[in-house]
Amino acid sequence: MKLNRILPLAGVLTVLAGAAFGQANIPAGAGAGAYRPAPGSAVGGAVNPRPAARPAAAQAPAADATRQAVSKSCSQQADAQGLHGKARKTFREKCKRSGGH
């Protein structure tokens, strides 16, 4: 009895799934490596152009070193004051925002 109910349902689901997956009829290798935005999206078009290369990438290591120095200075100041837990976290956040002063 249960098999009589399950088989027709499975057949209907198979047909629907086949129809859903059968809509993408792009031949294999067509436009290999081409940039293809989703249909209807403005990605890559005039509305939303691709971002340009970042020239500031060369400055990133120097900025990282500066941030690390400020963070280390703030940690040393917190150690000197004997701060722990939430008080230390709050102090370090304010210190880092002010540049380590």
Protein backbone atom coordinates (compact mmCIF):
# COMPACT_ATOMS: atom_id res chain seq x y z
CA MET A 1 0.00 0.00 0.00
CA LYS A 2 2.75 2.44 0.91
CA LEU A 3 4.70 1.60 -2.23
CA ASN A 4 1.69 2.60 -4.34
CA ARG A 5 1.84 6.09 -2.78
CA ILE A 6 5.62 6.55 -2.80
CA LEU A 7 6.40 5.55 -6.40
CA PRO A 8 4.15 8.13 -8.12
CA LEU A 9 5.47 10.85 -5.85
CA ALA A 10 9.06 9.85 -6.61
CA GLY A 11 8.28 9.92 -10.33
CA VAL A 12 6.81 13.42 -10.15
CA LEU A 13 9.81 14.70 -8.17
CA THR A 14 12.21 13.15 -10.68
CA VAL A 15 10.46 14.86 -13.59
CA LEU A 16 10.45 18.22 -11.80
CA ALA A 17 14.11 17.93 -10.83
CA GLY A 18 15.07 17.00 -14.39
CA ALA A 19 13.23 20.04 -15.73
CA ALA A 20 14.93 22.35 -13.22
CA PHE A 21 18.43 21.09 -13.97
CA GLY A 22 17.88 20.83 -17.71
CA GLN A 23 17.49 24.58 -18.20
CA ALA A 24 21.22 25.35 -18.28
CA ASN A 25 22.10 24.30 -21.84
CA ILE A 26 25.59 25.78 -22.11
CA PRO A 27 27.89 23.65 -24.27
CA ALA A 28 31.03 22.34 -22.61
CA GLY A 29 34.01 24.66 -23.08
CA ALA A 30 31.95 27.60 -24.33
CA GLY A 31 33.73 30.74 -23.20
CA ALA A 32 36.13 28.94 -20.90
CA GLY A 33 37.72 31.41 -18.50
CA ALA A 34 35.32 34.20 -19.41
CA TYR A 35 33.89 36.46 -16.71
CA ARG A 36 30.15 35.85 -16.56
CA PRO A 37 28.06 37.81 -14.05
CA ALA A 38 24.72 36.41 -13.03
CA PRO A 39 21.86 37.30 -15.41
CA GLY A 40 20.20 40.55 -14.44
CA SER A 41 23.00 41.66 -12.13
CA ALA A 42 24.92 44.85 -12.66
CA VAL A 43 28.22 43.38 -11.47
CA GLY A 44 31.01 44.37 -13.79
CA GLY A 45 28.79 46.77 -15.73
CA ALA A 46 28.61 50.55 -15.70
CA VAL A 47 26.45 50.59 -12.57
CA ASN A 48 28.94 48.68 -10.41
CA PRO A 49 32.42 48.69 -11.97
CA ARG A 50 35.12 46.35 -10.75
CA PRO A 51 37.42 47.90 -8.16
CA ALA A 52 40.77 49.15 -9.40
CA ALA A 53 44.03 47.70 -8.18
CA ARG A 54 44.99 49.03 -4.76
CA PRO A 55 48.20 51.09 -4.90
CA ALA A 56 48.26 51.23 -1.08
CA ALA A 57 49.22 47.55 -0.93
CA ALA A 58 52.91 48.55 -0.68
CA GLN A 59 52.12 50.67 2.39
CA ALA A 60 50.32 47.88 4.24
CA PRO A 61 53.41 46.35 5.97
CA ALA A 62 54.42 49.76 7.37
CA ALA A 63 50.89 50.35 8.64
CA ASP A 64 50.87 46.89 10.23
CA ALA A 65 54.19 47.57 11.96
CA THR A 66 52.85 50.87 13.30
CA ARG A 67 49.70 49.22 14.62
CA GLN A 68 51.75 46.48 16.26
CA ALA A 69 54.00 49.05 17.95
CA VAL A 70 50.99 50.96 19.28
CA SER A 71 49.37 47.76 20.53
CA LYS A 72 52.56 46.67 22.27
CA SER A 73 52.95 50.09 23.90
CA CYS A 74 49.36 49.96 25.17
CA SER A 75 49.91 46.45 26.55
CA GLN A 76 53.03 47.60 28.40
CA GLN A 77 51.13 50.56 29.88
CA ALA A 78 48.33 48.24 31.00
CA ASP A 79 50.90 45.91 32.60
CA ALA A 80 52.49 48.86 34.42
CA GLN A 81 49.09 49.82 35.84
CA GLY A 82 48.35 46.21 36.83
CA LEU A 83 45.11 46.07 34.83
CA HIS A 84 43.33 42.76 34.21
CA GLY A 85 40.11 41.59 32.59
CA LYS A 86 37.53 44.08 31.41
CA ALA A 87 39.43 47.10 32.76
CA ARG A 88 42.52 46.08 30.74
CA LYS A 89 40.47 45.55 27.59
CA THR A 90 38.76 48.94 27.94
CA PHE A 91 42.09 50.69 28.63
CA ARG A 92 43.79 49.08 25.61
CA GLU A 93 40.91 50.02 23.28
CA LYS A 94 41.07 53.67 24.33
CA CYS A 95 44.87 53.67 24.19
CA LYS A 96 44.97 52.20 20.67
CA ARG A 97 42.40 54.75 19.45
CA SER A 98 44.55 57.59 20.78
CA GLY A 99 47.67 56.19 19.09
CA GLY A 100 49.34 54.70 22.13
CA HIS A 101 49.32 57.80 24.35
